[in-house]
Amino acid sequence: MTHVLKNIQLSAKTYLCQGSDGPWNMQFQYRPEGIFHIVLQGQCYLRESGCQEPVLLQVGDGVAFPTGGAHWLSDTPDSQKLPAENVVSVSGNEELFLLKNGNVRAFLSHASPSGRPPVTLESAMDESTNANGVTTLFCGTLSYDATIDHPFLKNLPCFIQAGTRTREERQTLITLTNLLAEESASSYPGKALMVNHLTEVLLIQMLRAHIHKAGQPSGYMAALADPHIGVALNLIHTEKDEKWTVESLSRAAAMGRTGFTQRFAELVGVTPKAYLTNTRLLKAREKLQTSNESTPRIAESAGYASEAAFSKAIKKHFHKTPGDLRQDNS
């Protein structure tokens, strides 16, 4: 799954939201990509678009909307009905569009409006009560290339709720959230890369919890979990010098070619050959955008005998030439 998130160029921006002195609510408008929230302090009620019943979220609960669905957060179920009065803006995160009613603030994760050190999940979870009535959420906006025609994006759930069911899961969430908050607040070299990688891990953890809760995964998630197709997907995404074919992949997956092709297409939604080509072109695009490797060498590593054939495939797939892709990130 990590390789897929890398291919779709996942990135994140994080911030904190606080609601206090109720009644209050926050209304998150639909955005093309994703958003997540983790309750650091207090509690709140969540209602997603199309659902009338709010869900209680307490310290340690995490929710994500991988496809950016509209949703509401409030101090009580009745506060969901409050009309939006104005817009909350977060400096440095123009992608966030948050409407609110009541005392709601949003700020970068390293800043605290009260002048006190930012709340961490670990310290908040140690509190038996929340005497000051403040609810604090660690939030993030997820960005990725939604134009990519990838089965993973097509099969992303609209809503994920991941509570901390076991001590190990609780500790994992504490560690990830605190690391992510610390990196977001830092000015170290490589900060953006670290935030993106930690967000990848956090999203994977949430997806795992979602799959576990669902019991029986479907679509691309089922393909990743399949003992045969999952092996093939891993080989495709980690391909380097060896050039996989449908025949060699079926052998590695311990299946006959016909059965493998049918099972792969059933779970993934495209044929093994189409998925292999798509993944190679995504890797080639990344190299064009992030490396100084020559176009002929990139074409060869993607399995193309000529630069002309490679350029034609890139143009058809991304509607840009290899030169355009290089220029976009120069």
C-alpha atoms as a PDB file:
ATOM      1  CA  MET A   1       0.000   0.000   0.000  1.00  0.00           C
ATOM      2  CA  THR A   2       2.926   2.320   0.695  1.00  0.00           C
ATOM      3  CA  HIS A   3       4.015   2.086  -2.940  1.00  0.00           C
ATOM      4  CA  VAL A   4       0.526   3.049  -4.088  1.00  0.00           C
ATOM      5  CA  LEU A   5       0.454   6.106  -1.807  1.00  0.00           C
ATOM      6  CA  LYS A   6       3.832   7.117  -3.190  1.00  0.00           C
ATOM      7  CA  ASN A   7       2.603   6.742  -6.770  1.00  0.00           C
ATOM      8  CA  ILE A   8      -0.422   8.963  -6.187  1.00  0.00           C
ATOM      9  CA  GLN A   9       1.912  11.543  -4.586  1.00  0.00           C
ATOM     10  CA  LEU A  10       0.190  11.784  -1.207  1.00  0.00           C
ATOM     11  CA  SER A  11       1.035  14.879   0.819  1.00  0.00           C
ATOM     12  CA  ALA A  12      -0.448  16.485   3.934  1.00  0.00           C
ATOM     13  CA  LYS A  13      -0.769  19.718   5.889  1.00  0.00           C
ATOM     14  CA  THR A  14      -1.620  19.558   9.585  1.00  0.00           C
ATOM     15  CA  TYR A  15      -3.212  21.936  12.074  1.00  0.00           C
ATOM     16  CA  LEU A  16      -5.193  21.974  15.326  1.00  0.00           C
ATOM     17  CA  CYS A  17      -8.871  22.829  15.794  1.00  0.00           C
ATOM     18  CA  GLN A  18     -10.357  23.827  19.145  1.00  0.00           C
ATOM     19  CA  GLY A  19     -13.940  24.269  20.211  1.00  0.00           C
ATOM     20  CA  SER A  20     -14.848  25.663  23.638  1.00  0.00           C
ATOM     21  CA  ASP A  21     -17.553  27.480  25.602  1.00  0.00           C
ATOM     22  CA  GLY A  22     -20.381  25.699  23.776  1.00  0.00           C
ATOM     23  CA  PRO A  23     -22.563  25.550  21.931  1.00  0.00           C
ATOM     24  CA  TRP A  24     -20.264  25.326  18.871  1.00  0.00           C
ATOM     25  CA  ASN A  25     -19.942  23.460  15.625  1.00  0.00           C
ATOM     26  CA  MET A  26     -17.518  23.114  12.722  1.00  0.00           C
ATOM     27  CA  GLN A  27     -18.711  22.463   9.185  1.00  0.00           C
ATOM     28  CA  PHE A  28     -16.164  20.985   6.788  1.00  0.00           C
ATOM     29  CA  GLN A  29     -17.123  21.466   3.174  1.00  0.00           C
ATOM     30  CA  TYR A  30     -16.519  18.877   0.459  1.00  0.00           C
ATOM     31  CA  ARG A  31     -13.020  18.975  -1.043  1.00  0.00           C
ATOM     32  CA  PRO A  32     -11.724  16.829  -3.930  1.00  0.00           C
ATOM     33  CA  GLU A  33      -9.243  14.994  -1.720  1.00  0.00           C
ATOM     34  CA  GLY A  34      -9.060  13.900   1.927  1.00  0.00           C
ATOM     35  CA  ILE A  35      -9.118  15.088   5.514  1.00  0.00           C
ATOM     36  CA  PHE A  36      -8.611  13.420   8.917  1.00  0.00           C
ATOM     37  CA  HIS A  37      -9.211  14.265  12.600  1.00  0.00           C
ATOM     38  CA  ILE A  38      -7.867  12.754  15.834  1.00  0.00           C
ATOM     39  CA  VAL A  39      -9.371  13.789  19.174  1.00  0.00           C
ATOM     40  CA  LEU A  40      -6.585  14.972  21.477  1.00  0.00           C
ATOM     41  CA  GLN A  41      -8.683  16.470  24.245  1.00  0.00           C
ATOM     42  CA  GLY A  42     -12.323  16.418  25.287  1.00  0.00           C
ATOM     43  CA  GLN A  43     -14.997  14.925  23.074  1.00  0.00           C
ATOM     44  CA  CYS A  44     -17.264  15.916  20.200  1.00  0.00           C
ATOM     45  CA  TYR A  45     -20.014  14.625  17.942  1.00  0.00           C
ATOM     46  CA  LEU A  46     -19.458  13.881  14.275  1.00  0.00           C
ATOM     47  CA  ARG A  47     -22.082  13.712  11.546  1.00  0.00           C
ATOM     48  CA  GLU A  48     -21.192  12.815   7.994  1.00  0.00           C
ATOM     49  CA  SER A  49     -23.077  13.987   4.926  1.00  0.00           C
ATOM     50  CA  GLY A  50     -26.174  11.900   4.245  1.00  0.00           C
ATOM     51  CA  CYS A  51     -26.318  10.521   7.798  1.00  0.00           C
ATOM     52  CA  GLN A  52     -28.666  11.978  10.404  1.00  0.00           C
ATOM     53  CA  GLU A  53     -27.289  10.283  13.530  1.00  0.00           C
ATOM     54  CA  PRO A  54     -24.150  11.849  15.069  1.00  0.00           C
ATOM     55  CA  VAL A  55     -21.285   9.679  16.330  1.00  0.00           C
ATOM     56  CA  LEU A  56     -19.573  10.380  19.657  1.00  0.00           C
ATOM     57  CA  LEU A  57     -15.792  10.797  19.350  1.00  0.00           C
ATOM     58  CA  GLN A  58     -13.628  10.685  22.462  1.00  0.00           C
ATOM     59  CA  VAL A  59      -9.920  11.097  23.181  1.00  0.00           C
ATOM     60  CA  GLY A  60      -7.920   8.722  21.002  1.00  0.00           C
ATOM     61  CA  ASP A  61     -10.603   8.290  18.334  1.00  0.00           C
ATOM     62  CA  GLY A  62      -9.556   8.969  14.765  1.00  0.00           C
ATOM     63  CA  VAL A  63     -11.697   9.539  11.686  1.00  0.00           C
ATOM     64  CA  ALA A  64     -10.781  10.113   8.065  1.00  0.00           C
ATOM     65  CA  PHE A  65     -12.613  11.143   4.920  1.00  0.00           C
ATOM     66  CA  PRO A  66     -10.207   9.927   2.211  1.00  0.00           C
ATOM     67  CA  THR A  67     -12.375  11.344  -0.574  1.00  0.00           C
ATOM     68  CA  GLY A  68     -13.123  14.626   1.198  1.00  0.00           C
ATOM     69  CA  GLY A  69     -16.793  14.224   2.092  1.00  0.00           C
ATOM     70  CA  ALA A  70     -18.655  17.032   3.872  1.00  0.00           C
ATOM     71  CA  HIS A  71     -19.111  16.567   7.622  1.00  0.00           C
ATOM     72  CA  TRP A  72     -19.926  18.378  10.856  1.00  0.00           C
ATOM     73  CA  LEU A  73     -18.325  18.364  14.343  1.00  0.00           C
ATOM     74  CA  SER A  74     -20.003  19.836  17.434  1.00  0.00           C
ATOM     75  CA  ASP A  75     -19.956  19.856  21.230  1.00  0.00           C
ATOM     76  CA  THR A  76     -23.424  18.259  21.520  1.00  0.00           C
ATOM     77  CA  PRO A  77     -25.801  16.543  19.080  1.00  0.00           C
ATOM     78  CA  ASP A  78     -28.137  19.580  19.238  1.00  0.00           C
ATOM     79  CA  SER A  79     -25.321  21.919  18.201  1.00  0.00           C
ATOM     80  CA  GLN A  80     -25.259  20.207  14.809  1.00  0.00           C
ATOM     81  CA  LYS A  81     -28.265  22.376  13.906  1.00  0.00           C
ATOM     82  CA  LEU A  82     -26.481  25.697  14.455  1.00  0.00           C
ATOM     83  CA  PRO A  83     -26.203  27.767  11.261  1.00  0.00           C
ATOM     84  CA  ALA A  84     -22.707  28.684  10.075  1.00  0.00           C
ATOM     85  CA  GLU A  85     -21.797  32.261  10.998  1.00  0.00           C
ATOM     86  CA  ASN A  86     -18.348  32.745   9.477  1.00  0.00           C
ATOM     87  CA  VAL A  87     -15.273  31.095   8.002  1.00  0.00           C
ATOM     88  CA  VAL A  88     -12.230  29.987   9.983  1.00  0.00           C
ATOM     89  CA  SER A  89      -8.944  30.320   8.113  1.00  0.00           C
ATOM     90  CA  VAL A  90      -5.665  28.613   8.939  1.00  0.00           C
ATOM     91  CA  SER A  91      -2.538  30.501   7.948  1.00  0.00           C
ATOM     92  CA  GLY A  92      -0.479  28.391   5.556  1.00  0.00           C
ATOM     93  CA  ASN A  93      -3.332  26.014   4.718  1.00  0.00           C
ATOM     94  CA  GLU A  94      -5.485  27.666   2.073  1.00  0.00           C
ATOM     95  CA  GLU A  95      -6.935  24.252   1.145  1.00  0.00           C
ATOM     96  CA  LEU A  96      -9.035  24.174   4.303  1.00  0.00           C
ATOM     97  CA  PHE A  97     -12.505  25.694   4.103  1.00  0.00           C
ATOM     98  CA  LEU A  98     -14.109  25.560   7.545  1.00  0.00           C
ATOM     99  CA  LEU A  99     -17.416  27.183   8.521  1.00  0.00           C
ATOM    100  CA  LYS A 100     -18.224  27.568  12.196  1.00  0.00           C
ATOM    101  CA  ASN A 101     -20.628  28.749  14.863  1.00  0.00           C
ATOM    102  CA  GLY A 102     -19.513  29.579  18.403  1.00  0.00           C
ATOM    103  CA  ASN A 103     -16.005  29.662  19.828  1.00  0.00           C
ATOM    104  CA  VAL A 104     -13.992  27.655  17.279  1.00  0.00           C
ATOM    105  CA  ARG A 105     -10.339  28.278  16.461  1.00  0.00           C
ATOM    106  CA  ALA A 106      -7.934  26.650  14.026  1.00  0.00           C
ATOM    107  CA  PHE A 107      -4.172  27.133  14.073  1.00  0.00           C
ATOM    108  CA  LEU A 108      -0.955  25.510  12.952  1.00  0.00           C
ATOM    109  CA  SER A 109       0.012  22.502  15.046  1.00  0.00           C
ATOM    110  CA  HIS A 110       3.061  24.189  16.590  1.00  0.00           C
ATOM    111  CA  ALA A 111       1.101  27.270  17.708  1.00  0.00           C
ATOM    112  CA  SER A 112      -1.089  27.487  20.785  1.00  0.00           C
ATOM    113  CA  PRO A 113      -3.498  30.462  21.045  1.00  0.00           C
ATOM    114  CA  SER A 114      -3.267  30.378  24.818  1.00  0.00           C
ATOM    115  CA  GLY A 115       0.512  30.640  24.812  1.00  0.00           C
ATOM    116  CA  ARG A 116       0.836  27.230  26.473  1.00  0.00           C
ATOM    117  CA  PRO A 117       2.631  24.239  24.900  1.00  0.00           C
ATOM    118  CA  PRO A 118       0.450  22.392  22.390  1.00  0.00           C
ATOM    119  CA  VAL A 119      -1.613  19.485  23.716  1.00  0.00           C
ATOM    120  CA  THR A 120      -0.273  16.025  22.865  1.00  0.00           C
ATOM    121  CA  LEU A 121      -2.379  12.900  22.574  1.00  0.00           C
ATOM    122  CA  GLU A 122      -0.376  11.178  25.296  1.00  0.00           C
ATOM    123  CA  SER A 123      -0.931  13.946  27.860  1.00  0.00           C
ATOM    124  CA  ALA A 124      -4.595  14.321  26.949  1.00  0.00           C
ATOM    125  CA  MET A 125      -5.276  10.591  27.289  1.00  0.00           C
ATOM    126  CA  ASP A 126      -3.768  10.643  30.785  1.00  0.00           C
ATOM    127  CA  GLU A 127      -6.411  13.143  31.929  1.00  0.00           C
ATOM    128  CA  SER A 128      -9.395  11.530  33.592  1.00  0.00           C
ATOM    129  CA  THR A 129     -11.598  14.554  32.962  1.00  0.00           C
ATOM    130  CA  ASN A 130     -11.594  17.635  30.799  1.00  0.00           C
ATOM    131  CA  ALA A 131     -12.467  20.274  33.348  1.00  0.00           C
ATOM    132  CA  ASN A 132     -12.039  23.264  31.045  1.00  0.00           C
ATOM    133  CA  GLY A 133     -14.540  21.956  28.490  1.00  0.00           C
ATOM    134  CA  VAL A 134     -12.153  22.391  25.550  1.00  0.00           C
ATOM    135  CA  THR A 135     -12.160  19.944  22.651  1.00  0.00           C
ATOM    136  CA  THR A 136      -8.903  19.798  20.690  1.00  0.00           C
ATOM    137  CA  LEU A 137      -8.531  17.979  17.375  1.00  0.00           C
ATOM    138  CA  PHE A 138      -5.331  17.197  15.490  1.00  0.00           C
ATOM    139  CA  CYS A 139      -6.352  17.543  11.848  1.00  0.00           C
ATOM    140  CA  GLY A 140      -4.807  17.175   8.438  1.00  0.00           C
ATOM    141  CA  THR A 141      -5.734  17.827   4.836  1.00  0.00           C
ATOM    142  CA  LEU A 142      -4.634  15.116   2.415  1.00  0.00           C
ATOM    143  CA  SER A 143      -3.643  15.938  -1.129  1.00  0.00           C
ATOM    144  CA  TYR A 144      -2.935  13.491  -3.921  1.00  0.00           C
ATOM    145  CA  ASP A 145      -3.179  13.283  -7.672  1.00  0.00           C
ATOM    146  CA  ALA A 146      -6.878  12.516  -8.010  1.00  0.00           C
ATOM    147  CA  THR A 147      -6.590  12.558 -11.816  1.00  0.00           C
ATOM    148  CA  ILE A 148      -4.830   9.180 -11.756  1.00  0.00           C
ATOM    149  CA  ASP A 149      -7.077   6.339 -12.849  1.00  0.00           C
ATOM    150  CA  HIS A 150      -6.001   3.941 -10.102  1.00  0.00           C
ATOM    151  CA  PRO A 151      -8.140   1.163  -8.534  1.00  0.00           C
ATOM    152  CA  PHE A 152      -6.930   2.175  -5.072  1.00  0.00           C
ATOM    153  CA  LEU A 153      -8.484   5.645  -5.427  1.00  0.00           C
ATOM    154  CA  LYS A 154     -11.685   4.223  -6.881  1.00  0.00           C
ATOM    155  CA  ASN A 155     -12.108   1.879  -3.908  1.00  0.00           C
ATOM    156  CA  LEU A 156     -11.226   4.265  -1.085  1.00  0.00           C
ATOM    157  CA  PRO A 157     -13.958   4.289   1.573  1.00  0.00           C
ATOM    158  CA  CYS A 158     -15.794   7.600   2.009  1.00  0.00           C
ATOM    159  CA  PHE A 159     -15.506   7.429   5.801  1.00  0.00           C
ATOM    160  CA  ILE A 160     -13.161   5.632   8.196  1.00  0.00           C
ATOM    161  CA  GLN A 161     -13.614   5.518  11.953  1.00  0.00           C
ATOM    162  CA  ALA A 162     -10.687   4.053  13.872  1.00  0.00           C
ATOM    163  CA  GLY A 163     -11.006   3.924  17.633  1.00  0.00           C
ATOM    164  CA  THR A 164      -8.262   2.502  19.855  1.00  0.00           C
ATOM    165  CA  ARG A 165      -9.511  -0.974  20.698  1.00  0.00           C
ATOM    166  CA  THR A 166      -6.347  -2.455  22.216  1.00  0.00           C
ATOM    167  CA  ARG A 167      -3.409  -1.182  24.206  1.00  0.00           C
ATOM    168  CA  GLU A 168      -1.087  -1.762  21.237  1.00  0.00           C
ATOM    169  CA  GLU A 169      -3.349   0.188  18.866  1.00  0.00           C
ATOM    170  CA  ARG A 170      -3.615   2.995  21.402  1.00  0.00           C
ATOM    171  CA  GLN A 171       0.175   3.186  21.723  1.00  0.00           C
ATOM    172  CA  THR A 172       0.585   3.168  17.933  1.00  0.00           C
ATOM    173  CA  LEU A 173      -1.843   6.075  17.577  1.00  0.00           C
ATOM    174  CA  ILE A 174      -0.117   7.990  20.384  1.00  0.00           C
ATOM    175  CA  THR A 175       3.303   7.506  18.787  1.00  0.00           C
ATOM    176  CA  LEU A 176       2.203   8.371  15.248  1.00  0.00           C
ATOM    177  CA  THR A 177       0.172  11.421  16.226  1.00  0.00           C
ATOM    178  CA  ASN A 178       2.869  12.858  18.472  1.00  0.00           C
ATOM    179  CA  LEU A 179       5.562  12.272  15.838  1.00  0.00           C
ATOM    180  CA  LEU A 180       3.388  13.890  13.204  1.00  0.00           C
ATOM    181  CA  ALA A 181       2.618  16.870  15.455  1.00  0.00           C
ATOM    182  CA  GLU A 182       6.310  17.261  16.338  1.00  0.00           C
ATOM    183  CA  GLU A 183       7.427  17.144  12.712  1.00  0.00           C
ATOM    184  CA  SER A 184       4.677  19.564  11.671  1.00  0.00           C
ATOM    185  CA  ALA A 185       5.887  22.019  14.300  1.00  0.00           C
ATOM    186  CA  SER A 186       9.574  21.693  13.410  1.00  0.00           C
ATOM    187  CA  SER A 187      11.771  23.632  11.028  1.00  0.00           C
ATOM    188  CA  TYR A 188      14.168  20.751  10.365  1.00  0.00           C
ATOM    189  CA  PRO A 189      15.397  19.918   6.858  1.00  0.00           C
ATOM    190  CA  GLY A 190      13.157  17.333   5.208  1.00  0.00           C
ATOM    191  CA  LYS A 191      10.133  18.351   7.287  1.00  0.00           C
ATOM    192  CA  ALA A 192       7.626  18.050   4.406  1.00  0.00           C
ATOM    193  CA  LEU A 193       8.939  14.599   3.479  1.00  0.00           C
ATOM    194  CA  MET A 194       8.664  13.367   7.073  1.00  0.00           C
ATOM    195  CA  VAL A 195       5.123  14.737   7.463  1.00  0.00           C
ATOM    196  CA  ASN A 196       4.059  13.030   4.227  1.00  0.00           C
ATOM    197  CA  HIS A 197       5.615   9.685   5.214  1.00  0.00           C
ATOM    198  CA  LEU A 198       4.104   9.759   8.706  1.00  0.00           C
ATOM    199  CA  THR A 199       0.729  10.626   7.202  1.00  0.00           C
ATOM    200  CA  GLU A 200       1.079   7.616   4.901  1.00  0.00           C
ATOM    201  CA  VAL A 201       1.627   5.387   7.940  1.00  0.00           C
ATOM    202  CA  LEU A 202      -1.306   6.963   9.780  1.00  0.00           C
ATOM    203  CA  LEU A 203      -3.602   6.474   6.788  1.00  0.00           C
ATOM    204  CA  ILE A 204      -2.462   2.854   6.408  1.00  0.00           C
ATOM    205  CA  GLN A 205      -3.210   2.230  10.096  1.00  0.00           C
ATOM    206  CA  MET A 206      -6.684   3.709   9.670  1.00  0.00           C
ATOM    207  CA  LEU A 207      -7.325   1.641   6.543  1.00  0.00           C
ATOM    208  CA  ARG A 208      -6.214  -1.499   8.395  1.00  0.00           C
ATOM    209  CA  ALA A 209      -8.646  -0.711  11.204  1.00  0.00           C
ATOM    210  CA  HIS A 210     -11.369  -0.113   8.623  1.00  0.00           C
ATOM    211  CA  ILE A 211     -10.691  -3.460   6.932  1.00  0.00           C
ATOM    212  CA  HIS A 212     -10.594  -5.233  10.306  1.00  0.00           C
ATOM    213  CA  LYS A 213     -13.907  -3.648  11.319  1.00  0.00           C
ATOM    214  CA  ALA A 214     -15.519  -4.467   7.968  1.00  0.00           C
ATOM    215  CA  GLY A 215     -14.532  -8.117   8.406  1.00  0.00           C
ATOM    216  CA  GLN A 216     -14.537  -8.949   4.698  1.00  0.00           C
ATOM    217  CA  PRO A 217     -12.640  -6.438   2.521  1.00  0.00           C
ATOM    218  CA  SER A 218     -13.747  -5.811  -1.038  1.00  0.00           C
ATOM    219  CA  GLY A 219     -12.291  -4.438  -4.247  1.00  0.00           C
ATOM    220  CA  TYR A 220      -8.685  -3.289  -4.147  1.00  0.00           C
ATOM    221  CA  MET A 221      -8.444  -3.828  -0.373  1.00  0.00           C
ATOM    222  CA  ALA A 222      -9.432  -7.466  -0.905  1.00  0.00           C
ATOM    223  CA  ALA A 223      -6.788  -7.739  -3.638  1.00  0.00           C
ATOM    224  CA  LEU A 224      -4.075  -6.536  -1.240  1.00  0.00           C
ATOM    225  CA  ALA A 225      -5.203  -9.094   1.356  1.00  0.00           C
ATOM    226  CA  ASP A 226      -5.514 -11.967  -1.135  1.00  0.00           C
ATOM    227  CA  PRO A 227      -2.730 -14.565  -0.629  1.00  0.00           C
ATOM    228  CA  HIS A 228      -2.171 -14.856  -4.396  1.00  0.00           C
ATOM    229  CA  ILE A 229      -3.080 -11.480  -5.924  1.00  0.00           C
ATOM    230  CA  GLY A 230      -1.499  -9.617  -3.002  1.00  0.00           C
ATOM    231  CA  VAL A 231       1.813 -11.299  -3.816  1.00  0.00           C
ATOM    232  CA  ALA A 232       1.550 -10.196  -7.449  1.00  0.00           C
ATOM    233  CA  LEU A 233       0.701  -6.603  -6.498  1.00  0.00           C
ATOM    234  CA  ASN A 234       3.715  -6.438  -4.198  1.00  0.00           C
ATOM    235  CA  LEU A 235       5.990  -7.754  -6.948  1.00  0.00           C
ATOM    236  CA  ILE A 236       4.647  -5.219  -9.434  1.00  0.00           C
ATOM    237  CA  HIS A 237       5.156  -2.293  -7.073  1.00  0.00           C
ATOM    238  CA  THR A 238       8.674  -3.372  -6.075  1.00  0.00           C
ATOM    239  CA  GLU A 239       9.774  -4.214  -9.630  1.00  0.00           C
ATOM    240  CA  LYS A 240      13.303  -3.079 -10.446  1.00  0.00           C
ATOM    241  CA  ASP A 241      15.604  -4.920 -12.835  1.00  0.00           C
ATOM    242  CA  GLU A 242      13.370  -7.930 -13.400  1.00  0.00           C
ATOM    243  CA  LYS A 243      10.602  -7.179 -15.892  1.00  0.00           C
ATOM    244  CA  TRP A 244       7.492  -9.034 -14.834  1.00  0.00           C
ATOM    245  CA  THR A 245       5.045 -10.488 -17.331  1.00  0.00           C
ATOM    246  CA  VAL A 246       1.553 -11.860 -16.786  1.00  0.00           C
ATOM    247  CA  GLU A 247       3.026 -15.353 -17.155  1.00  0.00           C
ATOM    248  CA  SER A 248       5.805 -14.871 -14.590  1.00  0.00           C
ATOM    249  CA  LEU A 249       3.449 -13.093 -12.181  1.00  0.00           C
ATOM    250  CA  SER A 250       0.969 -15.950 -12.337  1.00  0.00           C
ATOM    251  CA  ARG A 251       3.762 -18.417 -11.523  1.00  0.00           C
ATOM    252  CA  ALA A 252       4.925 -16.275  -8.600  1.00  0.00           C
ATOM    253  CA  ALA A 253       1.329 -16.156  -7.358  1.00  0.00           C
ATOM    254  CA  ALA A 254       1.109 -19.956  -7.639  1.00  0.00           C
ATOM    255  CA  MET A 255      -1.798 -19.829 -10.072  1.00  0.00           C
ATOM    256  CA  GLY A 256      -2.452 -20.754 -13.670  1.00  0.00           C
ATOM    257  CA  ARG A 257      -2.360 -17.835 -16.104  1.00  0.00           C
ATOM    258  CA  THR A 258      -6.079 -17.914 -16.931  1.00  0.00           C
ATOM    259  CA  GLY A 259      -7.232 -18.222 -13.323  1.00  0.00           C
ATOM    260  CA  PHE A 260      -4.740 -15.569 -12.220  1.00  0.00           C
ATOM    261  CA  THR A 261      -5.875 -13.089 -14.883  1.00  0.00           C
ATOM    262  CA  GLN A 262      -9.532 -13.615 -14.033  1.00  0.00           C
ATOM    263  CA  ARG A 263      -8.990 -13.321 -10.275  1.00  0.00           C
ATOM    264  CA  PHE A 264      -6.766 -10.252 -10.668  1.00  0.00           C
ATOM    265  CA  ALA A 265      -9.297  -8.459 -12.881  1.00  0.00           C
ATOM    266  CA  GLU A 266     -12.149  -9.407 -10.534  1.00  0.00           C
ATOM    267  CA  LEU A 267     -10.467  -7.909  -7.457  1.00  0.00           C
ATOM    268  CA  VAL A 268      -8.382  -5.080  -8.902  1.00  0.00           C
ATOM    269  CA  GLY A 269     -10.755  -3.990 -11.638  1.00  0.00           C
ATOM    270  CA  VAL A 270      -8.220  -4.078 -14.495  1.00  0.00           C
ATOM    271  CA  THR A 271      -6.150  -6.817 -16.134  1.00  0.00           C
ATOM    272  CA  PRO A 272      -2.655  -7.641 -14.823  1.00  0.00           C
ATOM    273  CA  LYS A 273      -1.113  -6.268 -18.048  1.00  0.00           C
ATOM    274  CA  ALA A 274      -2.957  -2.945 -17.748  1.00  0.00           C
ATOM    275  CA  TYR A 275      -2.044  -2.606 -14.066  1.00  0.00           C
ATOM    276  CA  LEU A 276       1.599  -3.424 -14.792  1.00  0.00           C
ATOM    277  CA  THR A 277       1.755  -0.778 -17.524  1.00  0.00           C
ATOM    278  CA  ASN A 278       0.001   1.811 -15.341  1.00  0.00           C
ATOM    279  CA  THR A 279       2.376   1.221 -12.413  1.00  0.00           C
ATOM    280  CA  ARG A 280       5.479   1.468 -14.609  1.00  0.00           C
ATOM    281  CA  LEU A 281       4.280   4.750 -16.086  1.00  0.00           C
ATOM    282  CA  LEU A 282       3.542   6.154 -12.609  1.00  0.00           C
ATOM    283  CA  LYS A 283       7.079   5.248 -11.524  1.00  0.00           C
ATOM    284  CA  ALA A 284       8.456   6.802 -14.710  1.00  0.00           C
ATOM    285  CA  ARG A 285       6.537  10.011 -14.029  1.00  0.00           C
ATOM    286  CA  GLU A 286       8.017  10.193 -10.533  1.00  0.00           C
ATOM    287  CA  LYS A 287      11.535   9.776 -11.921  1.00  0.00           C
ATOM    288  CA  LEU A 288      10.920  12.483 -14.515  1.00  0.00           C
ATOM    289  CA  GLN A 289       9.737  14.835 -11.787  1.00  0.00           C
ATOM    290  CA  THR A 290      12.248  14.072  -9.039  1.00  0.00           C
ATOM    291  CA  SER A 291      15.484  12.788 -10.617  1.00  0.00           C
ATOM    292  CA  ASN A 292      18.138  13.794 -13.131  1.00  0.00           C
ATOM    293  CA  GLU A 293      18.040  10.393 -14.801  1.00  0.00           C
ATOM    294  CA  SER A 294      17.935  10.664 -18.589  1.00  0.00           C
ATOM    295  CA  THR A 295      14.661  10.110 -20.420  1.00  0.00           C
ATOM    296  CA  PRO A 296      16.047   7.174 -22.472  1.00  0.00           C
ATOM    297  CA  ARG A 297      17.104   5.372 -19.261  1.00  0.00           C
ATOM    298  CA  ILE A 298      13.721   6.012 -17.666  1.00  0.00           C
ATOM    299  CA  ALA A 299      12.024   4.731 -20.815  1.00  0.00           C
ATOM    300  CA  GLU A 300      14.114   1.569 -20.697  1.00  0.00           C
ATOM    301  CA  SER A 301      13.364   0.952 -17.013  1.00  0.00           C
ATOM    302  CA  ALA A 302       9.638   1.316 -17.807  1.00  0.00           C
ATOM    303  CA  GLY A 303       9.939  -1.445 -20.412  1.00  0.00           C
ATOM    304  CA  TYR A 304       9.927   0.661 -23.598  1.00  0.00           C
ATOM    305  CA  ALA A 305      12.333  -0.148 -26.424  1.00  0.00           C
ATOM    306  CA  SER A 306      12.377   3.409 -27.781  1.00  0.00           C
ATOM    307  CA  GLU A 307      12.107   6.906 -26.371  1.00  0.00           C
ATOM    308  CA  ALA A 308       9.449   7.705 -28.978  1.00  0.00           C
ATOM    309  CA  ALA A 309       7.179   4.866 -27.826  1.00  0.00           C
ATOM    310  CA  PHE A 310       7.713   5.905 -24.202  1.00  0.00           C
ATOM    311  CA  SER A 311       6.879   9.555 -24.936  1.00  0.00           C
ATOM    312  CA  LYS A 312       3.722   8.507 -26.742  1.00  0.00           C
ATOM    313  CA  ALA A 313       2.617   6.371 -23.763  1.00  0.00           C
ATOM    314  CA  ILE A 314       3.351   9.172 -21.265  1.00  0.00           C
ATOM    315  CA  LYS A 315       1.421  11.664 -23.379  1.00  0.00           C
ATOM    316  CA  LYS A 316      -1.581   9.325 -23.625  1.00  0.00           C
ATOM    317  CA  HIS A 317      -1.525   8.502 -19.912  1.00  0.00           C
ATOM    318  CA  PHE A 318      -0.860  11.920 -18.333  1.00  0.00           C
ATOM    319  CA  HIS A 319      -1.736  14.288 -21.207  1.00  0.00           C
ATOM    320  CA  LYS A 320       1.757  15.742 -20.940  1.00  0.00           C
ATOM    321  CA  THR A 321       5.084  15.003 -22.588  1.00  0.00           C
ATOM    322  CA  PRO A 322       8.100  13.796 -20.569  1.00  0.00           C
ATOM    323  CA  GLY A 323       9.561  17.276 -21.027  1.00  0.00           C
ATOM    324  CA  ASP A 324       6.392  18.895 -19.635  1.00  0.00           C
ATOM    325  CA  LEU A 325       6.529  16.647 -16.557  1.00  0.00           C
ATOM    326  CA  ARG A 326      10.150  17.599 -15.938  1.00  0.00           C
ATOM    327  CA  GLN A 327       9.378  21.283 -16.344  1.00  0.00           C
ATOM    328  CA  ASP A 328       6.452  21.130 -13.897  1.00  0.00           C
ATOM    329  CA  ASN A 329       8.855  20.332 -11.047  1.00  0.00           C
ATOM    330  CA  SER A 330      11.899  22.333 -12.141  1.00  0.00           C
END
